[in-house]
Amino acid sequence: MKMNYLTILFTIMATTLSVHAEQTSTMPMFQETDSKAVALRSGMAKLWEDHITYTRNYIISALAGLEDGGTVAQRLLRNQDDIGDAIKPYYGEEAGEKLTVLLREHITIATEVVTAAKANNNEELSKAQAKWNTNGDDIAAFLSSANPHWGRNDMTMMLHKHLEYTTTEVVSRLKKDWTADIDAYDQGHQHMLMFADILTEGIVKKFPEKFAQ
């Protein structure tokens, strides 16, 4: 029994280190003196960490039928407003509002995915997932059109992977496969932080004058 426990422990540690290595390999190499860039990176990471955290909170509450589901959903939607606001200093009011609309649609469709999955309605689930992927493509297209350092293929793959991790959380919780559920969240969490770093790096590269000391 002890050997099995140790084997599982070492497997988890190896997976965690592998994901961490993947993440840090893409991190922008800011100097400690680049205070504006560091502040942006920190703020962007917080926004996308809120995104993944409140998404998970919503999944748990909605699937369990908890009373806080609506309140969590509202907090999750506010996070999309915050992300849109974060790009306004660089891209302007209109672009920020456009991103907010796309991200709010992303969350609205997420509720449809959760509802269909909970009802075991495969037809509606497939429709919702197709809409989700299309929305992801729209977000990727918007981001890539705004910044040449956010390649469209890269953005599309990153967003689709986010949807994949989130869907796995939902399905795993419904199956009461708690190990798979936690693993999907852990990987999705690291993935979102990596996505946040890519966005930060792209902004710093496109607007170097805003980060001059």
N, C-alpha and C. Protein backbone atom coordinates (compact mmCIF):
# COMPACT_ATOMS: atom_id res chain seq x y z
N MET A 1 0.84 -1.20 0.00
CA MET A 1 0.00 0.00 0.00
C MET A 1 0.87 1.24 0.00
N LYS A 2 1.93 1.21 0.78
CA LYS A 2 2.82 2.36 0.86
C LYS A 2 3.51 2.60 -0.46
N MET A 3 3.90 1.50 -1.14
CA MET A 3 4.57 1.65 -2.43
C MET A 3 3.64 2.28 -3.46
N ASN A 4 2.35 1.88 -3.44
CA ASN A 4 1.40 2.46 -4.38
C ASN A 4 1.23 3.95 -4.13
N TYR A 5 1.18 4.31 -2.84
CA TYR A 5 1.03 5.72 -2.48
C TYR A 5 2.22 6.53 -2.98
N LEU A 6 3.42 6.00 -2.79
CA LEU A 6 4.62 6.71 -3.23
C LEU A 6 4.66 6.84 -4.74
N THR A 7 4.23 5.79 -5.42
CA THR A 7 4.20 5.83 -6.88
C THR A 7 3.28 6.93 -7.38
N ILE A 8 2.08 7.01 -6.75
CA ILE A 8 1.13 8.05 -7.13
C ILE A 8 1.69 9.42 -6.84
N LEU A 9 2.34 9.57 -5.66
CA LEU A 9 2.90 10.85 -5.27
C LEU A 9 3.96 11.31 -6.25
N PHE A 10 4.87 10.41 -6.63
CA PHE A 10 5.94 10.78 -7.56
C PHE A 10 5.37 11.10 -8.94
N THR A 11 4.31 10.40 -9.34
CA THR A 11 3.67 10.69 -10.63
C THR A 11 3.10 12.09 -10.65
N ILE A 12 2.41 12.46 -9.55
CA ILE A 12 1.83 13.80 -9.44
C ILE A 12 2.93 14.86 -9.48
N MET A 13 4.02 14.62 -8.74
CA MET A 13 5.12 15.57 -8.70
C MET A 13 5.74 15.75 -10.08
N ALA A 14 5.91 14.65 -10.80
CA ALA A 14 6.53 14.72 -12.13
C ALA A 14 5.64 15.48 -13.09
N THR A 15 4.31 15.24 -13.00
CA THR A 15 3.37 15.96 -13.87
C THR A 15 3.38 17.44 -13.58
N THR A 16 3.39 17.79 -12.30
CA THR A 16 3.40 19.19 -11.89
C THR A 16 4.65 19.90 -12.39
N LEU A 17 5.79 19.25 -12.24
CA LEU A 17 7.05 19.85 -12.69
C LEU A 17 7.06 20.02 -14.20
N SER A 18 6.48 19.06 -14.91
CA SER A 18 6.44 19.14 -16.37
C SER A 18 5.59 20.31 -16.82
N VAL A 19 4.41 20.48 -16.19
CA VAL A 19 3.54 21.60 -16.54
C VAL A 19 4.21 22.91 -16.20
N HIS A 20 4.87 22.97 -15.03
CA HIS A 20 5.55 24.19 -14.62
C HIS A 20 6.65 24.56 -15.60
N ALA A 21 7.38 23.54 -16.08
CA ALA A 21 8.46 23.79 -17.04
C ALA A 21 7.90 24.34 -18.33
N GLU A 22 6.74 23.78 -18.76
CA GLU A 22 6.09 24.28 -19.98
C GLU A 22 5.71 25.73 -19.82
N GLN A 23 5.17 26.08 -18.64
CA GLN A 23 4.73 27.45 -18.41
C GLN A 23 5.89 28.42 -18.38
N THR A 24 6.91 28.10 -17.59
CA THR A 24 8.01 29.05 -17.41
C THR A 24 8.81 29.23 -18.69
N SER A 25 8.76 28.25 -19.58
CA SER A 25 9.53 28.38 -20.82
C SER A 25 8.97 29.47 -21.71
N THR A 26 7.70 29.86 -21.51
CA THR A 26 7.09 30.89 -22.34
C THR A 26 6.99 32.23 -21.63
N MET A 27 7.41 32.30 -20.39
CA MET A 27 7.27 33.54 -19.63
C MET A 27 8.17 34.64 -20.18
N PRO A 28 7.67 35.84 -20.25
CA PRO A 28 8.51 36.95 -20.70
C PRO A 28 9.63 37.18 -19.70
N MET A 29 10.82 37.39 -20.21
CA MET A 29 11.99 37.54 -19.34
C MET A 29 12.18 39.00 -18.97
N PHE A 30 11.32 39.50 -18.08
CA PHE A 30 11.43 40.87 -17.64
C PHE A 30 12.51 41.00 -16.58
N GLN A 31 13.22 42.13 -16.62
CA GLN A 31 14.18 42.43 -15.57
C GLN A 31 13.43 42.97 -14.35
N GLU A 32 14.04 42.82 -13.19
CA GLU A 32 13.40 43.31 -11.97
C GLU A 32 13.17 44.83 -12.03
N THR A 33 13.97 45.51 -12.84
CA THR A 33 13.83 46.96 -12.94
C THR A 33 12.69 47.38 -13.86
N ASP A 34 12.16 46.42 -14.64
CA ASP A 34 11.06 46.73 -15.55
C ASP A 34 9.75 46.74 -14.77
N SER A 35 9.60 47.72 -13.92
CA SER A 35 8.49 47.72 -12.96
C SER A 35 7.12 47.75 -13.64
N LYS A 36 6.99 48.51 -14.73
CA LYS A 36 5.70 48.61 -15.41
C LYS A 36 5.31 47.27 -16.05
N ALA A 37 6.29 46.61 -16.64
CA ALA A 37 6.02 45.32 -17.26
C ALA A 37 5.69 44.27 -16.20
N VAL A 38 6.42 44.30 -15.11
CA VAL A 38 6.17 43.36 -14.02
C VAL A 38 4.77 43.58 -13.44
N ALA A 39 4.40 44.85 -13.28
CA ALA A 39 3.07 45.16 -12.75
C ALA A 39 1.97 44.66 -13.70
N LEU A 40 2.19 44.84 -15.01
CA LEU A 40 1.22 44.35 -15.98
C LEU A 40 1.10 42.84 -15.91
N ARG A 41 2.23 42.18 -15.84
CA ARG A 41 2.22 40.71 -15.78
C ARG A 41 1.48 40.22 -14.54
N SER A 42 1.75 40.86 -13.41
CA SER A 42 1.08 40.48 -12.17
C SER A 42 -0.42 40.69 -12.26
N GLY A 43 -0.82 41.84 -12.80
CA GLY A 43 -2.24 42.15 -12.93
C GLY A 43 -2.94 41.22 -13.90
N MET A 44 -2.28 40.92 -15.02
CA MET A 44 -2.88 40.03 -16.01
C MET A 44 -3.03 38.62 -15.46
N ALA A 45 -2.04 38.17 -14.72
CA ALA A 45 -2.11 36.84 -14.12
C ALA A 45 -3.27 36.75 -13.14
N LYS A 46 -3.46 37.83 -12.34
CA LYS A 46 -4.57 37.84 -11.37
C LYS A 46 -5.92 37.77 -12.08
N LEU A 47 -6.07 38.50 -13.18
CA LEU A 47 -7.34 38.50 -13.90
C LEU A 47 -7.68 37.12 -14.46
N TRP A 48 -6.70 36.47 -15.08
CA TRP A 48 -6.97 35.17 -15.68
C TRP A 48 -7.02 34.06 -14.64
N GLU A 49 -6.36 34.27 -13.51
CA GLU A 49 -6.50 33.32 -12.42
C GLU A 49 -7.91 33.41 -11.83
N ASP A 50 -8.43 34.63 -11.71
CA ASP A 50 -9.82 34.81 -11.29
C ASP A 50 -10.76 34.11 -12.28
N HIS A 51 -10.44 34.23 -13.55
CA HIS A 51 -11.27 33.61 -14.59
C HIS A 51 -11.37 32.10 -14.38
N ILE A 52 -10.25 31.46 -14.20
CA ILE A 52 -10.25 30.00 -14.05
C ILE A 52 -10.83 29.58 -12.71
N THR A 53 -10.58 30.38 -11.67
CA THR A 53 -11.06 30.03 -10.32
C THR A 53 -12.57 30.18 -10.22
N TYR A 54 -13.12 31.31 -10.69
CA TYR A 54 -14.56 31.50 -10.59
C TYR A 54 -15.32 30.62 -11.58
N THR A 55 -14.67 30.24 -12.67
CA THR A 55 -15.29 29.26 -13.57
C THR A 55 -15.46 27.94 -12.84
N ARG A 56 -14.42 27.53 -12.13
CA ARG A 56 -14.51 26.28 -11.37
C ARG A 56 -15.57 26.39 -10.28
N ASN A 57 -15.58 27.52 -9.57
CA ASN A 57 -16.59 27.70 -8.53
C ASN A 57 -18.01 27.58 -9.09
N TYR A 58 -18.19 28.15 -10.29
CA TYR A 58 -19.51 28.07 -10.91
C TYR A 58 -19.86 26.62 -11.27
N ILE A 59 -18.89 25.90 -11.83
CA ILE A 59 -19.13 24.50 -12.19
C ILE A 59 -19.57 23.70 -10.97
N ILE A 60 -18.85 23.87 -9.87
CA ILE A 60 -19.18 23.14 -8.65
C ILE A 60 -20.57 23.51 -8.15
N SER A 61 -20.86 24.81 -8.10
CA SER A 61 -22.15 25.27 -7.57
C SER A 61 -23.31 24.85 -8.47
N ALA A 62 -23.13 25.01 -9.79
CA ALA A 62 -24.21 24.69 -10.72
C ALA A 62 -24.52 23.20 -10.75
N LEU A 63 -23.50 22.38 -10.79
CA LEU A 63 -23.73 20.94 -10.84
C LEU A 63 -24.33 20.41 -9.55
N ALA A 64 -23.98 21.03 -8.44
CA ALA A 64 -24.49 20.58 -7.15
C ALA A 64 -25.81 21.26 -6.78
N GLY A 65 -26.23 22.23 -7.60
CA GLY A 65 -27.47 22.93 -7.31
C GLY A 65 -27.39 23.80 -6.07
N LEU A 66 -26.23 24.37 -5.81
CA LEU A 66 -26.04 25.20 -4.62
C LEU A 66 -26.69 26.57 -4.79
N GLU A 67 -27.04 27.18 -3.69
CA GLU A 67 -27.76 28.45 -3.73
C GLU A 67 -26.92 29.61 -4.24
N ASP A 68 -25.60 29.46 -4.18
CA ASP A 68 -24.73 30.57 -4.57
C ASP A 68 -24.44 30.60 -6.07
N GLY A 69 -25.03 29.69 -6.84
CA GLY A 69 -24.73 29.60 -8.27
C GLY A 69 -24.89 30.92 -9.02
N GLY A 70 -26.01 31.60 -8.78
CA GLY A 70 -26.25 32.87 -9.47
C GLY A 70 -25.27 33.95 -9.08
N THR A 71 -24.94 34.00 -7.80
CA THR A 71 -23.99 35.00 -7.31
C THR A 71 -22.59 34.75 -7.88
N VAL A 72 -22.20 33.48 -7.94
CA VAL A 72 -20.90 33.14 -8.52
C VAL A 72 -20.87 33.50 -10.00
N ALA A 73 -21.97 33.24 -10.70
CA ALA A 73 -22.04 33.57 -12.13
C ALA A 73 -21.87 35.07 -12.36
N GLN A 74 -22.50 35.88 -11.50
CA GLN A 74 -22.36 37.33 -11.63
C GLN A 74 -20.92 37.77 -11.38
N ARG A 75 -20.27 37.15 -10.42
CA ARG A 75 -18.85 37.50 -10.15
C ARG A 75 -17.98 37.09 -11.33
N LEU A 76 -18.29 35.95 -11.92
CA LEU A 76 -17.54 35.49 -13.09
C LEU A 76 -17.73 36.43 -14.26
N LEU A 77 -18.94 36.93 -14.46
CA LEU A 77 -19.18 37.89 -15.54
C LEU A 77 -18.44 39.20 -15.29
N ARG A 78 -18.37 39.62 -14.03
CA ARG A 78 -17.64 40.85 -13.71
C ARG A 78 -16.15 40.71 -14.05
N ASN A 79 -15.64 39.50 -13.93
CA ASN A 79 -14.25 39.26 -14.29
C ASN A 79 -14.00 39.54 -15.77
N GLN A 80 -15.00 39.26 -16.61
CA GLN A 80 -14.84 39.52 -18.04
C GLN A 80 -14.79 41.03 -18.30
N ASP A 81 -15.57 41.79 -17.52
CA ASP A 81 -15.49 43.25 -17.61
C ASP A 81 -14.10 43.74 -17.22
N ASP A 82 -13.56 43.14 -16.17
CA ASP A 82 -12.23 43.54 -15.69
C ASP A 82 -11.14 43.26 -16.74
N ILE A 83 -11.26 42.13 -17.41
CA ILE A 83 -10.27 41.79 -18.44
C ILE A 83 -10.36 42.78 -19.61
N GLY A 84 -11.59 43.10 -20.03
CA GLY A 84 -11.77 44.08 -21.09
C GLY A 84 -11.19 45.43 -20.70
N ASP A 85 -11.41 45.84 -19.44
CA ASP A 85 -10.88 47.11 -18.96
C ASP A 85 -9.35 47.13 -18.97
N ALA A 86 -8.75 45.96 -18.77
CA ALA A 86 -7.29 45.88 -18.66
C ALA A 86 -6.58 46.22 -19.96
N ILE A 87 -7.24 46.01 -21.11
CA ILE A 87 -6.57 46.32 -22.38
C ILE A 87 -6.89 47.73 -22.88
N LYS A 88 -7.82 48.41 -22.24
CA LYS A 88 -8.21 49.75 -22.70
C LYS A 88 -7.07 50.76 -22.70
N PRO A 89 -6.15 50.73 -21.72
CA PRO A 89 -5.04 51.69 -21.76
C PRO A 89 -4.14 51.53 -22.98
N TYR A 90 -4.21 50.38 -23.63
CA TYR A 90 -3.35 50.11 -24.79
C TYR A 90 -4.14 50.16 -26.10
N TYR A 91 -5.38 49.68 -26.09
CA TYR A 91 -6.14 49.54 -27.33
C TYR A 91 -7.36 50.45 -27.41
N GLY A 92 -7.68 51.12 -26.32
CA GLY A 92 -8.81 52.04 -26.35
C GLY A 92 -10.11 51.44 -25.85
N GLU A 93 -11.08 52.32 -25.66
CA GLU A 93 -12.38 51.96 -25.09
C GLU A 93 -13.13 50.95 -25.95
N GLU A 94 -13.18 51.19 -27.24
CA GLU A 94 -13.96 50.32 -28.13
C GLU A 94 -13.42 48.90 -28.14
N ALA A 95 -12.11 48.75 -28.21
CA ALA A 95 -11.52 47.41 -28.23
C ALA A 95 -11.77 46.69 -26.91
N GLY A 96 -11.64 47.42 -25.81
CA GLY A 96 -11.88 46.82 -24.51
C GLY A 96 -13.31 46.33 -24.37
N GLU A 97 -14.27 47.12 -24.86
CA GLU A 97 -15.67 46.73 -24.80
C GLU A 97 -15.94 45.53 -25.70
N LYS A 98 -15.28 45.48 -26.85
CA LYS A 98 -15.44 44.35 -27.77
C LYS A 98 -14.96 43.06 -27.12
N LEU A 99 -13.81 43.10 -26.47
CA LEU A 99 -13.29 41.91 -25.79
C LEU A 99 -14.23 41.49 -24.67
N THR A 100 -14.76 42.45 -23.93
CA THR A 100 -15.69 42.14 -22.86
C THR A 100 -16.92 41.40 -23.39
N VAL A 101 -17.46 41.88 -24.51
CA VAL A 101 -18.64 41.23 -25.11
C VAL A 101 -18.32 39.78 -25.47
N LEU A 102 -17.18 39.56 -26.09
CA LEU A 102 -16.79 38.21 -26.49
C LEU A 102 -16.59 37.31 -25.28
N LEU A 103 -15.98 37.84 -24.23
CA LEU A 103 -15.73 37.04 -23.03
C LEU A 103 -17.02 36.76 -22.26
N ARG A 104 -17.93 37.73 -22.24
CA ARG A 104 -19.22 37.49 -21.58
C ARG A 104 -20.00 36.41 -22.34
N GLU A 105 -19.88 36.42 -23.66
CA GLU A 105 -20.50 35.36 -24.46
C GLU A 105 -19.87 34.01 -24.12
N HIS A 106 -18.57 34.01 -23.93
CA HIS A 106 -17.84 32.80 -23.53
C HIS A 106 -18.43 32.22 -22.24
N ILE A 107 -18.73 33.07 -21.27
CA ILE A 107 -19.28 32.61 -20.00
C ILE A 107 -20.73 32.17 -20.15
N THR A 108 -21.50 32.92 -20.93
CA THR A 108 -22.90 32.54 -21.15
C THR A 108 -23.00 31.16 -21.77
N ILE A 109 -22.15 30.90 -22.76
CA ILE A 109 -22.16 29.58 -23.40
C ILE A 109 -21.69 28.51 -22.42
N ALA A 110 -20.76 28.87 -21.54
CA ALA A 110 -20.28 27.92 -20.53
C ALA A 110 -21.44 27.44 -19.66
N THR A 111 -22.35 28.36 -19.31
CA THR A 111 -23.51 27.95 -18.50
C THR A 111 -24.39 26.99 -19.28
N GLU A 112 -24.48 27.18 -20.60
CA GLU A 112 -25.26 26.27 -21.43
C GLU A 112 -24.61 24.89 -21.47
N VAL A 113 -23.28 24.85 -21.53
CA VAL A 113 -22.56 23.58 -21.51
C VAL A 113 -22.83 22.83 -20.21
N VAL A 114 -22.71 23.55 -19.10
CA VAL A 114 -22.92 22.92 -17.79
C VAL A 114 -24.36 22.43 -17.66
N THR A 115 -25.33 23.24 -18.08
CA THR A 115 -26.74 22.86 -17.97
C THR A 115 -27.05 21.63 -18.80
N ALA A 116 -26.56 21.59 -20.03
CA ALA A 116 -26.81 20.45 -20.91
C ALA A 116 -26.13 19.19 -20.39
N ALA A 117 -24.91 19.34 -19.88
CA ALA A 117 -24.19 18.18 -19.35
C ALA A 117 -24.89 17.63 -18.12
N LYS A 118 -25.35 18.52 -17.25
CA LYS A 118 -26.04 18.09 -16.03
C LYS A 118 -27.34 17.35 -16.36
N ALA A 119 -28.03 17.80 -17.43
CA ALA A 119 -29.29 17.18 -17.85
C ALA A 119 -29.06 15.93 -18.70
N ASN A 120 -27.79 15.63 -18.97
CA ASN A 120 -27.42 14.49 -19.82
C ASN A 120 -28.08 14.60 -21.20
N ASN A 121 -28.17 15.83 -21.69
CA ASN A 121 -28.76 16.11 -23.00
C ASN A 121 -27.62 16.26 -24.00
N ASN A 122 -27.27 15.15 -24.63
CA ASN A 122 -26.10 15.14 -25.52
C ASN A 122 -26.28 16.03 -26.74
N GLU A 123 -27.50 16.14 -27.23
CA GLU A 123 -27.74 16.97 -28.41
C GLU A 123 -27.48 18.44 -28.08
N GLU A 124 -28.04 18.91 -26.97
CA GLU A 124 -27.83 20.30 -26.56
C GLU A 124 -26.39 20.55 -26.16
N LEU A 125 -25.76 19.55 -25.58
CA LEU A 125 -24.35 19.68 -25.18
C LEU A 125 -23.48 19.87 -26.41
N SER A 126 -23.73 19.09 -27.45
CA SER A 126 -22.95 19.22 -28.68
C SER A 126 -23.13 20.59 -29.31
N LYS A 127 -24.37 21.09 -29.30
CA LYS A 127 -24.64 22.43 -29.84
C LYS A 127 -23.90 23.50 -29.05
N ALA A 128 -23.94 23.37 -27.72
CA ALA A 128 -23.28 24.36 -26.87
C ALA A 128 -21.78 24.33 -27.05
N GLN A 129 -21.22 23.14 -27.17
CA GLN A 129 -19.77 23.02 -27.37
C GLN A 129 -19.35 23.60 -28.71
N ALA A 130 -20.18 23.40 -29.74
CA ALA A 130 -19.87 23.98 -31.06
C ALA A 130 -19.88 25.51 -30.97
N LYS A 131 -20.87 26.08 -30.27
CA LYS A 131 -20.93 27.52 -30.08
C LYS A 131 -19.72 28.00 -29.29
N TRP A 132 -19.31 27.23 -28.31
CA TRP A 132 -18.16 27.58 -27.48
C TRP A 132 -16.89 27.66 -28.31
N ASN A 133 -16.70 26.66 -29.17
CA ASN A 133 -15.52 26.65 -30.03
C ASN A 133 -15.53 27.83 -31.00
N THR A 134 -16.70 28.15 -31.54
CA THR A 134 -16.81 29.29 -32.44
C THR A 134 -16.48 30.59 -31.72
N ASN A 135 -16.97 30.71 -30.50
CA ASN A 135 -16.66 31.89 -29.69
C ASN A 135 -15.15 31.97 -29.42
N GLY A 136 -14.55 30.83 -29.14
CA GLY A 136 -13.09 30.80 -28.93
C GLY A 136 -12.35 31.27 -30.17
N ASP A 137 -12.84 30.84 -31.34
CA ASP A 137 -12.24 31.28 -32.60
C ASP A 137 -12.39 32.80 -32.77
N ASP A 138 -13.56 33.31 -32.39
CA ASP A 138 -13.80 34.76 -32.50
C ASP A 138 -12.87 35.55 -31.59
N ILE A 139 -12.66 35.06 -30.37
CA ILE A 139 -11.75 35.74 -29.45
C ILE A 139 -10.33 35.70 -30.00
N ALA A 140 -9.93 34.55 -30.53
CA ALA A 140 -8.59 34.41 -31.10
C ALA A 140 -8.39 35.36 -32.28
N ALA A 141 -9.41 35.46 -33.12
CA ALA A 141 -9.34 36.35 -34.29
C ALA A 141 -9.22 37.81 -33.84
N PHE A 142 -9.99 38.18 -32.82
CA PHE A 142 -9.93 39.54 -32.31
C PHE A 142 -8.55 39.86 -31.75
N LEU A 143 -8.01 38.97 -30.94
CA LEU A 143 -6.71 39.20 -30.32
C LEU A 143 -5.60 39.28 -31.37
N SER A 144 -5.62 38.35 -32.31
CA SER A 144 -4.56 38.33 -33.32
C SER A 144 -4.62 39.55 -34.24
N SER A 145 -5.82 40.07 -34.46
CA SER A 145 -5.94 41.28 -35.29
C SER A 145 -5.43 42.51 -34.55
N ALA A 146 -5.41 42.44 -33.23
CA ALA A 146 -4.98 43.59 -32.43
C ALA A 146 -3.48 43.61 -32.20
N ASN A 147 -2.84 42.45 -32.30
CA ASN A 147 -1.42 42.38 -31.94
C ASN A 147 -0.72 41.29 -32.75
N PRO A 148 0.29 41.64 -33.54
CA PRO A 148 0.98 40.64 -34.36
C PRO A 148 1.75 39.61 -33.53
N HIS A 149 1.98 39.91 -32.27
CA HIS A 149 2.67 38.98 -31.38
C HIS A 149 1.73 37.95 -30.78
N TRP A 150 0.42 38.10 -31.05
CA TRP A 150 -0.56 37.10 -30.64
C TRP A 150 -1.02 36.37 -31.90
N GLY A 151 -0.24 35.39 -32.33
CA GLY A 151 -0.56 34.67 -33.55
C GLY A 151 -1.92 34.00 -33.48
N ARG A 152 -2.66 34.05 -34.58
CA ARG A 152 -4.04 33.52 -34.56
C ARG A 152 -4.07 32.03 -34.24
N ASN A 153 -3.18 31.26 -34.86
CA ASN A 153 -3.17 29.83 -34.59
C ASN A 153 -2.84 29.55 -33.12
N ASP A 154 -1.88 30.30 -32.59
CA ASP A 154 -1.51 30.12 -31.18
C ASP A 154 -2.67 30.47 -30.26
N MET A 155 -3.32 31.59 -30.53
CA MET A 155 -4.46 32.00 -29.71
C MET A 155 -5.59 30.97 -29.79
N THR A 156 -5.86 30.49 -31.00
CA THR A 156 -6.93 29.50 -31.19
C THR A 156 -6.63 28.23 -30.41
N MET A 157 -5.41 27.74 -30.51
CA MET A 157 -5.04 26.51 -29.81
C MET A 157 -5.11 26.69 -28.30
N MET A 158 -4.65 27.85 -27.82
CA MET A 158 -4.67 28.11 -26.39
C MET A 158 -6.12 28.15 -25.87
N LEU A 159 -6.99 28.82 -26.58
CA LEU A 159 -8.38 28.95 -26.13
C LEU A 159 -9.14 27.63 -26.23
N HIS A 160 -8.89 26.87 -27.29
CA HIS A 160 -9.55 25.56 -27.41
C HIS A 160 -9.08 24.62 -26.30
N LYS A 161 -7.81 24.73 -25.93
CA LYS A 161 -7.30 23.89 -24.85
C LYS A 161 -7.97 24.27 -23.54
N HIS A 162 -8.19 25.55 -23.33
CA HIS A 162 -8.92 26.02 -22.14
C HIS A 162 -10.32 25.41 -22.10
N LEU A 163 -11.01 25.40 -23.22
CA LEU A 163 -12.34 24.81 -23.29
C LEU A 163 -12.29 23.31 -23.01
N GLU A 164 -11.25 22.67 -23.50
CA GLU A 164 -11.09 21.23 -23.28
C GLU A 164 -10.92 20.91 -21.80
N TYR A 165 -10.05 21.66 -21.14
CA TYR A 165 -9.85 21.44 -19.70
C TYR A 165 -11.14 21.69 -18.93
N THR A 166 -11.85 22.75 -19.28
CA THR A 166 -13.07 23.10 -18.56
C THR A 166 -14.14 22.03 -18.76
N THR A 167 -14.30 21.56 -20.00
CA THR A 167 -15.26 20.50 -20.28
C THR A 167 -14.93 19.24 -19.51
N THR A 168 -13.64 18.92 -19.43
CA THR A 168 -13.21 17.73 -18.68
C THR A 168 -13.58 17.85 -17.21
N GLU A 169 -13.45 19.07 -16.66
CA GLU A 169 -13.87 19.28 -15.27
C GLU A 169 -15.35 18.94 -15.10
N VAL A 170 -16.18 19.47 -15.99
CA VAL A 170 -17.62 19.25 -15.90
C VAL A 170 -17.95 17.77 -15.99
N VAL A 171 -17.44 17.12 -17.02
CA VAL A 171 -17.74 15.70 -17.25
C VAL A 171 -17.23 14.84 -16.10
N SER A 172 -16.02 15.13 -15.63
CA SER A 172 -15.43 14.34 -14.55
C SER A 172 -16.23 14.47 -13.26
N ARG A 173 -16.69 15.68 -12.96
CA ARG A 173 -17.51 15.86 -11.75
C ARG A 173 -18.83 15.11 -11.86
N LEU A 174 -19.44 15.12 -13.04
CA LEU A 174 -20.68 14.39 -13.23
C LEU A 174 -20.48 12.89 -13.05
N LYS A 175 -19.32 12.42 -13.45
CA LYS A 175 -19.00 10.99 -13.30
C LYS A 175 -18.47 10.67 -11.90
N LYS A 176 -18.30 11.71 -11.09
CA LYS A 176 -17.70 11.58 -9.75
C LYS A 176 -16.29 11.01 -9.81
N ASP A 177 -15.61 11.35 -10.92
CA ASP A 177 -14.20 10.99 -11.06
C ASP A 177 -13.41 12.18 -10.53
N TRP A 178 -13.26 12.25 -9.22
CA TRP A 178 -12.67 13.42 -8.58
C TRP A 178 -11.21 13.62 -8.95
N THR A 179 -10.50 12.52 -9.17
CA THR A 179 -9.08 12.62 -9.55
C THR A 179 -8.93 13.31 -10.90
N ALA A 180 -9.75 12.88 -11.86
CA ALA A 180 -9.69 13.49 -13.20
C ALA A 180 -10.14 14.95 -13.15
N ASP A 181 -11.13 15.23 -12.32
CA ASP A 181 -11.63 16.59 -12.15
C ASP A 181 -10.52 17.51 -11.64
N ILE A 182 -9.85 17.09 -10.59
CA ILE A 182 -8.79 17.90 -10.00
C ILE A 182 -7.63 18.06 -10.96
N ASP A 183 -7.30 16.99 -11.66
CA ASP A 183 -6.19 17.04 -12.62
C ASP A 183 -6.49 18.05 -13.74
N ALA A 184 -7.75 18.03 -14.23
CA ALA A 184 -8.14 18.96 -15.29
C ALA A 184 -8.06 20.40 -14.81
N TYR A 185 -8.49 20.64 -13.56
CA TYR A 185 -8.40 22.00 -13.02
C TYR A 185 -6.96 22.43 -12.86
N ASP A 186 -6.11 21.56 -12.31
CA ASP A 186 -4.71 21.92 -12.11
C ASP A 186 -4.03 22.28 -13.43
N GLN A 187 -4.26 21.44 -14.44
CA GLN A 187 -3.65 21.71 -15.75
C GLN A 187 -4.25 22.97 -16.39
N GLY A 188 -5.57 23.12 -16.24
CA GLY A 188 -6.21 24.30 -16.79
C GLY A 188 -5.76 25.58 -16.11
N HIS A 189 -5.49 25.49 -14.82
CA HIS A 189 -5.01 26.65 -14.06
C HIS A 189 -3.64 27.09 -14.58
N GLN A 190 -2.73 26.16 -14.72
CA GLN A 190 -1.40 26.47 -15.25
C GLN A 190 -1.49 26.99 -16.68
N HIS A 191 -2.40 26.42 -17.44
CA HIS A 191 -2.59 26.84 -18.83
C HIS A 191 -3.04 28.31 -18.90
N MET A 192 -3.94 28.71 -18.01
CA MET A 192 -4.42 30.08 -17.99
C MET A 192 -3.31 31.06 -17.61
N LEU A 193 -2.47 30.67 -16.67
CA LEU A 193 -1.35 31.53 -16.29
C LEU A 193 -0.38 31.69 -17.46
N MET A 194 -0.18 30.63 -18.21
CA MET A 194 0.67 30.70 -19.38
C MET A 194 0.05 31.63 -20.44
N PHE A 195 -1.26 31.53 -20.61
CA PHE A 195 -1.98 32.39 -21.54
C PHE A 195 -1.84 33.86 -21.13
N ALA A 196 -1.97 34.12 -19.84
CA ALA A 196 -1.82 35.49 -19.33
C ALA A 196 -0.43 36.03 -19.62
N ASP A 197 0.60 35.20 -19.47
CA ASP A 197 1.97 35.62 -19.76
C ASP A 197 2.15 35.95 -21.24
N ILE A 198 1.53 35.16 -22.10
CA ILE A 198 1.63 35.40 -23.54
C ILE A 198 0.99 36.75 -23.89
N LEU A 199 -0.15 37.04 -23.29
CA LEU A 199 -0.81 38.33 -23.53
C LEU A 199 0.06 39.48 -23.04
N THR A 200 0.63 39.32 -21.86
CA THR A 200 1.49 40.36 -21.31
C THR A 200 2.69 40.61 -22.21
N GLU A 201 3.34 39.54 -22.62
CA GLU A 201 4.53 39.67 -23.47
C GLU A 201 4.19 40.38 -24.77
N GLY A 202 3.02 40.06 -25.34
CA GLY A 202 2.61 40.69 -26.59
C GLY A 202 2.38 42.18 -26.43
N ILE A 203 1.76 42.58 -25.32
CA ILE A 203 1.52 44.01 -25.08
C ILE A 203 2.83 44.76 -24.91
N VAL A 204 3.75 44.19 -24.15
CA VAL A 204 5.04 44.85 -23.92
C VAL A 204 5.82 45.01 -25.22
N LYS A 205 5.74 44.00 -26.08
CA LYS A 205 6.46 44.07 -27.35
C LYS A 205 5.82 45.08 -28.31
N LYS A 206 4.50 45.18 -28.29
CA LYS A 206 3.81 46.08 -29.23
C LYS A 206 3.88 47.54 -28.77
N PHE A 207 3.92 47.74 -27.47
CA PHE A 207 3.91 49.11 -26.94
C PHE A 207 5.13 49.36 -26.04
N PRO A 208 6.34 49.20 -26.58
CA PRO A 208 7.54 49.35 -25.74
C PRO A 208 7.67 50.72 -25.11
N GLU A 209 7.13 51.74 -25.79
CA GLU A 209 7.24 53.10 -25.25
C GLU A 209 6.45 53.26 -23.95
N LYS A 210 5.44 52.46 -23.75
CA LYS A 210 4.64 52.55 -22.53
C LYS A 210 5.34 51.91 -21.33
N PHE A 211 6.41 51.18 -21.63
CA PHE A 211 7.10 50.47 -20.55
C PHE A 211 8.53 50.98 -20.36
N ALA A 212 8.84 52.07 -21.04
CA ALA A 212 10.17 52.68 -20.88
C ALA A 212 10.29 53.26 -19.47
N GLN A 213 11.45 53.05 -18.88
CA GLN A 213 11.67 53.53 -17.50
C GLN A 213 11.99 55.03 -17.50
